[in-house]
Amino acid sequence: MTELDPVIHAQARLRVVASLSTLGEGDKIAFPRLQELLAMTAGNLSVHLRKLEDAGYVEISKTHRGRTPATLVRLSRRGRLAFEEYTEAIRSLLDLTPSKEQS
């Protein structure tokens, strides 16, 4: 049986990674926009992003848009690969589950 990546498997982090995976490789999203999409508090999102960043799955950059500070988030190459492996592991688990027709 395939083991699921515990960093991604937490519900909130799975939502973050799944959302970021929809961006093109190298594309970034502003922290407030990601927060809005996921309907998460800033503190909660920050905690989960830190865990993903520590694992090397996301990259966070701080910049300015005019005079306003901006935090941008993107899924790293390593994070994209980890998410692909995670989804393959989920599919493998589902393939092992007997369907109702087989019961």
N, C-alpha and C. Protein backbone atom coordinates (compact mmCIF):
# COMPACT_ATOMS: atom_id res chain seq x y z
N MET A 1 0.84 -1.18 0.00
CA MET A 1 0.00 0.00 0.00
C MET A 1 0.88 1.24 0.00
N THR A 2 0.53 2.20 -0.81
CA THR A 2 1.28 3.44 -0.94
C THR A 2 0.99 4.35 0.25
N GLU A 3 2.06 4.95 0.78
CA GLU A 3 1.89 5.88 1.89
C GLU A 3 1.65 7.29 1.34
N LEU A 4 0.72 8.00 1.97
CA LEU A 4 0.41 9.37 1.56
C LEU A 4 1.35 10.34 2.24
N ASP A 5 1.78 11.35 1.51
CA ASP A 5 2.68 12.38 2.03
C ASP A 5 1.97 13.13 3.16
N PRO A 6 2.47 13.01 4.40
CA PRO A 6 1.79 13.65 5.52
C PRO A 6 1.80 15.18 5.47
N VAL A 7 2.76 15.76 4.76
CA VAL A 7 2.79 17.22 4.65
C VAL A 7 1.61 17.70 3.80
N ILE A 8 1.32 17.01 2.74
CA ILE A 8 0.23 17.40 1.85
C ILE A 8 -1.11 16.90 2.37
N HIS A 9 -1.12 15.77 3.05
CA HIS A 9 -2.38 15.10 3.40
C HIS A 9 -3.28 15.89 4.35
N ALA A 10 -2.73 16.78 5.16
CA ALA A 10 -3.57 17.60 6.04
C ALA A 10 -4.54 18.39 5.16
N GLN A 11 -5.79 18.42 5.54
CA GLN A 11 -6.83 18.99 4.69
C GLN A 11 -6.51 20.40 4.20
N ALA A 12 -6.11 21.28 5.09
CA ALA A 12 -5.84 22.67 4.68
C ALA A 12 -4.67 22.73 3.71
N ARG A 13 -3.61 21.96 3.97
CA ARG A 13 -2.45 21.99 3.07
C ARG A 13 -2.78 21.35 1.73
N LEU A 14 -3.62 20.34 1.73
CA LEU A 14 -4.06 19.73 0.48
C LEU A 14 -4.82 20.76 -0.36
N ARG A 15 -5.66 21.55 0.27
CA ARG A 15 -6.39 22.60 -0.44
C ARG A 15 -5.43 23.63 -1.01
N VAL A 16 -4.41 24.00 -0.23
CA VAL A 16 -3.42 24.98 -0.69
C VAL A 16 -2.67 24.44 -1.91
N VAL A 17 -2.14 23.24 -1.78
CA VAL A 17 -1.34 22.66 -2.87
C VAL A 17 -2.20 22.43 -4.12
N ALA A 18 -3.42 21.94 -3.93
CA ALA A 18 -4.30 21.72 -5.08
C ALA A 18 -4.59 23.04 -5.79
N SER A 19 -4.81 24.10 -5.02
CA SER A 19 -5.07 25.41 -5.64
C SER A 19 -3.85 25.93 -6.38
N LEU A 20 -2.68 25.81 -5.76
CA LEU A 20 -1.46 26.29 -6.39
C LEU A 20 -1.11 25.48 -7.63
N SER A 21 -1.49 24.20 -7.64
CA SER A 21 -1.16 23.35 -8.79
C SER A 21 -1.91 23.76 -10.05
N THR A 22 -2.98 24.54 -9.89
CA THR A 22 -3.73 24.99 -11.06
C THR A 22 -3.03 26.15 -11.78
N LEU A 23 -2.08 26.78 -11.10
CA LEU A 23 -1.29 27.85 -11.73
C LEU A 23 -0.29 27.23 -12.68
N GLY A 24 0.11 27.98 -13.67
CA GLY A 24 1.17 27.52 -14.55
C GLY A 24 2.47 27.41 -13.78
N GLU A 25 3.36 26.55 -14.25
CA GLU A 25 4.65 26.39 -13.57
C GLU A 25 5.37 27.74 -13.54
N GLY A 26 5.76 28.15 -12.36
CA GLY A 26 6.45 29.43 -12.20
C GLY A 26 5.52 30.60 -11.92
N ASP A 27 4.20 30.42 -12.14
CA ASP A 27 3.26 31.51 -11.85
C ASP A 27 3.09 31.65 -10.34
N LYS A 28 2.79 32.88 -9.93
CA LYS A 28 2.63 33.20 -8.51
C LYS A 28 1.25 33.77 -8.26
N ILE A 29 0.80 33.67 -7.03
CA ILE A 29 -0.47 34.24 -6.62
C ILE A 29 -0.22 35.09 -5.38
N ALA A 30 -0.91 36.20 -5.27
CA ALA A 30 -0.77 37.07 -4.11
C ALA A 30 -1.42 36.39 -2.90
N PHE A 31 -0.78 36.52 -1.76
CA PHE A 31 -1.27 35.93 -0.52
C PHE A 31 -2.74 36.26 -0.26
N PRO A 32 -3.16 37.54 -0.36
CA PRO A 32 -4.56 37.84 -0.09
C PRO A 32 -5.53 37.14 -1.04
N ARG A 33 -5.13 36.99 -2.29
CA ARG A 33 -5.99 36.29 -3.27
C ARG A 33 -6.11 34.82 -2.90
N LEU A 34 -5.00 34.19 -2.53
CA LEU A 34 -5.03 32.79 -2.12
C LEU A 34 -5.88 32.63 -0.87
N GLN A 35 -5.73 33.54 0.05
CA GLN A 35 -6.52 33.53 1.28
C GLN A 35 -8.01 33.61 0.95
N GLU A 36 -8.35 34.48 0.03
CA GLU A 36 -9.75 34.64 -0.39
C GLU A 36 -10.28 33.37 -1.06
N LEU A 37 -9.50 32.81 -1.98
CA LEU A 37 -9.92 31.59 -2.68
C LEU A 37 -10.18 30.44 -1.73
N LEU A 38 -9.35 30.33 -0.70
CA LEU A 38 -9.44 29.20 0.22
C LEU A 38 -10.33 29.50 1.43
N ALA A 39 -10.77 30.74 1.57
CA ALA A 39 -11.59 31.17 2.71
C ALA A 39 -10.92 30.79 4.03
N MET A 40 -9.64 31.14 4.13
CA MET A 40 -8.87 30.86 5.34
C MET A 40 -8.45 32.18 5.99
N THR A 41 -8.24 32.14 7.28
CA THR A 41 -7.71 33.33 7.95
C THR A 41 -6.24 33.49 7.55
N ALA A 42 -5.74 34.70 7.67
CA ALA A 42 -4.34 34.96 7.33
C ALA A 42 -3.41 34.13 8.20
N GLY A 43 -3.73 34.04 9.49
CA GLY A 43 -2.88 33.27 10.40
C GLY A 43 -2.86 31.79 10.06
N ASN A 44 -4.03 31.23 9.78
CA ASN A 44 -4.11 29.81 9.45
C ASN A 44 -3.37 29.51 8.15
N LEU A 45 -3.59 30.34 7.14
CA LEU A 45 -2.90 30.14 5.87
C LEU A 45 -1.40 30.27 6.05
N SER A 46 -0.96 31.23 6.83
CA SER A 46 0.47 31.42 7.08
C SER A 46 1.11 30.20 7.70
N VAL A 47 0.44 29.61 8.68
CA VAL A 47 0.97 28.41 9.36
C VAL A 47 1.14 27.27 8.35
N HIS A 48 0.14 27.06 7.51
CA HIS A 48 0.21 25.96 6.55
C HIS A 48 1.23 26.25 5.44
N LEU A 49 1.33 27.49 5.02
CA LEU A 49 2.35 27.84 4.02
C LEU A 49 3.75 27.64 4.58
N ARG A 50 3.94 27.95 5.85
CA ARG A 50 5.26 27.76 6.48
C ARG A 50 5.64 26.29 6.45
N LYS A 51 4.70 25.40 6.78
CA LYS A 51 4.95 23.96 6.77
C LYS A 51 5.30 23.49 5.35
N LEU A 52 4.57 23.99 4.37
CA LEU A 52 4.84 23.63 2.98
C LEU A 52 6.17 24.21 2.51
N GLU A 53 6.49 25.41 2.96
CA GLU A 53 7.76 26.04 2.61
C GLU A 53 8.92 25.26 3.24
N ASP A 54 8.78 24.86 4.49
CA ASP A 54 9.82 24.07 5.16
C ASP A 54 10.09 22.76 4.44
N ALA A 55 9.06 22.19 3.82
CA ALA A 55 9.21 20.94 3.06
C ALA A 55 9.75 21.20 1.66
N GLY A 56 9.85 22.47 1.27
CA GLY A 56 10.33 22.81 -0.07
C GLY A 56 9.25 22.73 -1.13
N TYR A 57 7.98 22.69 -0.71
CA TYR A 57 6.88 22.54 -1.66
C TYR A 57 6.35 23.86 -2.20
N VAL A 58 6.54 24.94 -1.46
CA VAL A 58 6.13 26.25 -1.95
C VAL A 58 7.29 27.23 -1.80
N GLU A 59 7.25 28.25 -2.61
CA GLU A 59 8.22 29.34 -2.52
C GLU A 59 7.45 30.62 -2.29
N ILE A 60 7.91 31.38 -1.33
CA ILE A 60 7.26 32.63 -0.96
C ILE A 60 8.24 33.76 -1.21
N SER A 61 7.78 34.77 -1.90
CA SER A 61 8.63 35.94 -2.14
C SER A 61 7.91 37.18 -1.67
N LYS A 62 8.68 38.08 -1.11
CA LYS A 62 8.15 39.35 -0.62
C LYS A 62 8.68 40.44 -1.54
N THR A 63 7.78 41.29 -1.98
CA THR A 63 8.14 42.35 -2.90
C THR A 63 7.27 43.57 -2.60
N HIS A 64 7.31 44.53 -3.46
CA HIS A 64 6.45 45.70 -3.32
C HIS A 64 5.74 45.94 -4.64
N ARG A 65 4.50 46.33 -4.54
CA ARG A 65 3.73 46.81 -5.70
C ARG A 65 3.51 48.28 -5.44
N GLY A 66 4.32 49.07 -6.06
CA GLY A 66 4.34 50.49 -5.72
C GLY A 66 4.96 50.62 -4.34
N ARG A 67 4.24 51.20 -3.42
CA ARG A 67 4.74 51.33 -2.04
C ARG A 67 4.14 50.28 -1.12
N THR A 68 3.28 49.45 -1.67
CA THR A 68 2.58 48.44 -0.86
C THR A 68 3.35 47.12 -0.87
N PRO A 69 3.65 46.59 0.32
CA PRO A 69 4.30 45.28 0.37
C PRO A 69 3.37 44.20 -0.19
N ALA A 70 3.95 43.23 -0.86
CA ALA A 70 3.17 42.12 -1.43
C ALA A 70 3.89 40.81 -1.16
N THR A 71 3.13 39.80 -0.77
CA THR A 71 3.66 38.45 -0.58
C THR A 71 3.09 37.59 -1.69
N LEU A 72 3.98 36.95 -2.43
CA LEU A 72 3.59 36.11 -3.55
C LEU A 72 3.95 34.66 -3.25
N VAL A 73 3.09 33.75 -3.67
CA VAL A 73 3.26 32.33 -3.37
C VAL A 73 3.21 31.55 -4.67
N ARG A 74 4.07 30.54 -4.76
CA ARG A 74 4.01 29.65 -5.91
C ARG A 74 4.39 28.25 -5.49
N LEU A 75 3.92 27.27 -6.23
CA LEU A 75 4.26 25.88 -6.00
C LEU A 75 5.62 25.63 -6.62
N SER A 76 6.55 25.11 -5.85
CA SER A 76 7.89 24.83 -6.38
C SER A 76 7.84 23.59 -7.27
N ARG A 77 8.90 23.37 -7.99
CA ARG A 77 8.99 22.17 -8.83
C ARG A 77 8.87 20.92 -7.96
N ARG A 78 9.54 20.96 -6.81
CA ARG A 78 9.48 19.84 -5.87
C ARG A 78 8.04 19.64 -5.36
N GLY A 79 7.35 20.75 -5.09
CA GLY A 79 5.96 20.67 -4.63
C GLY A 79 5.04 20.12 -5.69
N ARG A 80 5.26 20.52 -6.93
CA ARG A 80 4.45 20.02 -8.04
C ARG A 80 4.63 18.50 -8.18
N LEU A 81 5.88 18.05 -8.07
CA LEU A 81 6.16 16.61 -8.16
C LEU A 81 5.53 15.87 -6.97
N ALA A 82 5.65 16.44 -5.78
CA ALA A 82 5.07 15.81 -4.59
C ALA A 82 3.55 15.70 -4.72
N PHE A 83 2.92 16.73 -5.29
CA PHE A 83 1.47 16.69 -5.47
C PHE A 83 1.09 15.64 -6.52
N GLU A 84 1.85 15.53 -7.58
CA GLU A 84 1.59 14.50 -8.59
C GLU A 84 1.71 13.11 -7.97
N GLU A 85 2.74 12.91 -7.16
CA GLU A 85 2.92 11.62 -6.49
C GLU A 85 1.79 11.35 -5.50
N TYR A 86 1.35 12.39 -4.82
CA TYR A 86 0.24 12.26 -3.87
C TYR A 86 -1.04 11.84 -4.60
N THR A 87 -1.34 12.50 -5.72
CA THR A 87 -2.56 12.15 -6.46
C THR A 87 -2.47 10.74 -7.04
N GLU A 88 -1.28 10.33 -7.46
CA GLU A 88 -1.10 8.95 -7.93
C GLU A 88 -1.34 7.96 -6.79
N ALA A 89 -0.86 8.29 -5.60
CA ALA A 89 -1.05 7.42 -4.44
C ALA A 89 -2.53 7.30 -4.10
N ILE A 90 -3.26 8.41 -4.17
CA ILE A 90 -4.71 8.39 -3.91
C ILE A 90 -5.41 7.51 -4.94
N ARG A 91 -5.03 7.68 -6.21
CA ARG A 91 -5.64 6.85 -7.26
C ARG A 91 -5.36 5.37 -7.02
N SER A 92 -4.14 5.05 -6.60
CA SER A 92 -3.79 3.65 -6.30
C SER A 92 -4.65 3.10 -5.18
N LEU A 93 -4.83 3.90 -4.15
CA LEU A 93 -5.68 3.47 -3.03
C LEU A 93 -7.12 3.25 -3.49
N LEU A 94 -7.62 4.13 -4.33
CA LEU A 94 -8.99 4.00 -4.81
C LEU A 94 -9.14 2.78 -5.72
N ASP A 95 -8.11 2.48 -6.49
CA ASP A 95 -8.15 1.31 -7.35
C ASP A 95 -8.17 0.01 -6.54
N LEU A 96 -7.62 0.04 -5.33
CA LEU A 96 -7.60 -1.13 -4.46
C LEU A 96 -8.92 -1.34 -3.74
N THR A 97 -9.74 -0.29 -3.68
CA THR A 97 -11.01 -0.36 -2.98
C THR A 97 -12.02 -1.11 -3.84
N PRO A 98 -12.60 -2.20 -3.30
CA PRO A 98 -13.60 -2.92 -4.10
C PRO A 98 -14.82 -2.06 -4.36
N SER A 99 -15.32 -2.12 -5.56
CA SER A 99 -16.52 -1.35 -5.89
C SER A 99 -17.74 -2.07 -5.34
N LYS A 100 -18.86 -1.39 -5.29
CA LYS A 100 -20.10 -1.98 -4.79
C LYS A 100 -20.56 -3.11 -5.69
N GLU A 101 -20.24 -3.02 -6.97
CA GLU A 101 -20.65 -4.05 -7.92
C GLU A 101 -19.93 -5.37 -7.62
N GLN A 102 -18.70 -5.29 -7.11
CA GLN A 102 -17.92 -6.49 -6.83
C GLN A 102 -18.32 -7.13 -5.52
N SER A 103 -19.03 -6.41 -4.66
CA SER A 103 -19.40 -6.94 -3.35
C SER A 103 -20.45 -8.01 -3.45
